Amino acid sequence: MNSILIDSLDFRFIWVGRCRDLCCRYPMHKFPTSGLPGGDSSLDGPDGSFSNDVFKATGIVPNGSSRGTPARGENLKMRKVAEQSWLQNGERLQIEEQNIGYLSPICKVIGKVFVTNYRLRFEGRDPHAKDRICQFEIPLGFISKVEKIGHSNVSRGENAYGIELTCKDMRNIRFTSPQANHSRRALFDVLQKNAFPLSNKLPLFATLYTAVYRKNGWDLYDPVKEFRRMGVPNEEWVFTKINERYEFADTYPSVLVVPAAAQKAGDDFIRKVGEFRSRRRIPVLSWISPDSSAAITRSSQPLVGMTSRRSAEDEKYLEMIVEANANSHQLPIFDARPSVNAKVNRAKGGGFEDSYPGCQLEFCDIQNIHVVRESLRKVKDAVFPKIDHKNWHRLMDDAKWLNHIQTIIEASIRIVTEIHENKSSVLVHCSDGWDRTAQLTSLAMIQLDPYYRTINGFAVLIEKEWCSFGHKFSHRVGHGEDKHGDGERSPIFVQFIDCVWQLYNQFDQMFEFNVHFLITILDELYACRFGTFLYNSEKQRFHDNNAKQNTLSLWSHIDENRQEFLNANYLSNPQSIDLIRPSRNILRMMLWTQYFARHNPTVISQERQSTDKYANEYLLMKRDMVKQLVQRQENNVHRFQQHTDV
């Protein structure tokens, strides 16, 4: 049975027929025009029909030929320079080990491993076709755990001794090494040191990486400019300087927007509100409708406790939020937690607003970080290294990943309904207000505001709702730390991006960006090449670690390569279509195989064409040509009408 896997990373992993043809990744522009990689063109007819059929079936257009071996007389020094030409600025080679075996889910390939201070690179050669280079790369930030497999004094076969890498992107990778030369020890030590730089008192690669970009991505998000886009400040909402130096709430951004009445009541009043909210994360403005003044506000839980404490200032503050919207006289409060969890938090001194006048409390039943972490682990077990087709539905049902996705999207739809149809302002919070809260506010804004469905707008949304409001990226991802079992780790941001993909999947014409854009964001979340997702708060990022000067922004890279991330189906002028109304039906929720199963060699992504930059460029070119033809036709009609009028 002939199969083919197309990986969505920079290198493509081609598999056809035999084991010797596996584990080979090629740059897309190096695909052979006849005969698939593996050194055997006998699969083709005289016209290369089999290869062409495979290319056609997967949406790949052959473009160029495979790379040949260097000439025998090539200068050795030149070859050495060429071999390391893939190093990026700031990247330094740490070790090179020969005769390393890579155990793919299908077969074994022998080659050499390079480890730098940024990534691991494997290069092997197909023994049946010496000019075929089989290679892949893993940024070290993807690695969650490095383990030695087997013992040198125990003989269990050549594949039982080596190193296994547990990765954060849904795969495990195993290498074998010869027992005789102790190469495993050196490779393990270098990986352990460079994959977890902070644990070894080394800098994160983002602080070493340099590149020249036309635009500075750190300038993309300006909170004052973004709120002014919404019409703030106005008579109801104003900026406050109470957190200008992060002294009021160190996990909040320096720029906050509060009700004008609260600002008028004074900073002491706002401080008393802060005393009744976890981590002083008071309700503040996230988004406001320019049409109805209905606002999305966010906060942490109130500190009610088991004694049902009350705060006159906190209750008055919420009343001010209600009064800032003349179209409604109630404040729906969306507590993202299950009610049971909220009651448990009450026993710990937290709680919820069950007795606030003019407030309507609703629990959203979104599970906590521990449940989400375990759910994704089960998805990983289901999709890698092989799929159990017989038990697939049972495994996915047990993982409940799609149920969690559906619950989040359903809650965001209820928020949108309150804003758009009832014209009510809302308050959203969970326990601390930096995980589930960000998921709900962000998804609601994507549905309400078409700006956030553009490339720049989505970047602004992430900077605002996630980075500035203190999602703990460092703890949730584990950047640079050797703490695989840390209970603080959880794929909350991955879950959010999956929710965005679900919306995209239902309304792809409403998004300027494509799926490759979303996958790139997740890859860079782990890679630690940019400073965008480093640290736990705006204060840590900009005040304590000076990330704007010491690192580059992911959005610089996105802007520089913007063409790759454009959605060819995007309706750039949707006219009056501002709101999108996604289905909350669980049957519309799909496993994002293009991301979660992209490393499984038995899965063909039916959507890979949309992420392939060459196919996307072709579609964009066709779209531009159609636009030009339409414009030309409109000009002709206009000239004809002018001629007729004369």
Foldseek 3Di string as FASTA:
>chain_A
DFDFAAFLDQWGFGDTDDPLSGLATHGLQAAAPAAGPQQDRVVADPVSVVVVVVCVQQVRDHHHHHAFDDDPPDDPVVVVCVVCVPAAQLKDWDDKAAQKWKQALRGIFGGMWIDILFKIKTWGARPNGRSGIRMDMATLLQFQDKDFFDDLVDDDDQQRGAIWTDGNQLAIITMGDDSPPPPRVVVSVRSVCSSQVVQVVHDFSQLRGDDDFPDFPVPLADPVVVVVVQVPPDQFKHWDQLCLVPPQQVFAFRTFIATPVQVVVHPVLLSLLLVQFVSSFAWTFDHAHSVQRATETEGAFGQLAPVRDDDPSNLVRVQSSQVSGPLDQAAEEEAAADPVVQVVVSNVRTHHPPPRPRYHYDYLHQDDQQLQAQLVVLLSVCQPQHHPVVCNVVSNVVSCLLVNLLSLLVLLLVQLCCCPPSVHHYYYYYHGGAFSVLLNVLSNCVQQALQCLEPSNVVNSCCRSHAANFNFLCQQSVRSRNCSPDPSHGVRVVSSLLSVVLVCVVVVQSHFWFVLSSLVVVSCSSSSNFLSRDGGHPCCSPVVPNRSVSGGHPVSVCVRVVLLTGQLNHPPCPDPNGGDNDDSDSVSRDDPCSRNNSSHRNDSDSCSLRNDSVSSNVSNVVSVVVVVVVVVVVVVVVVVVVVVVD
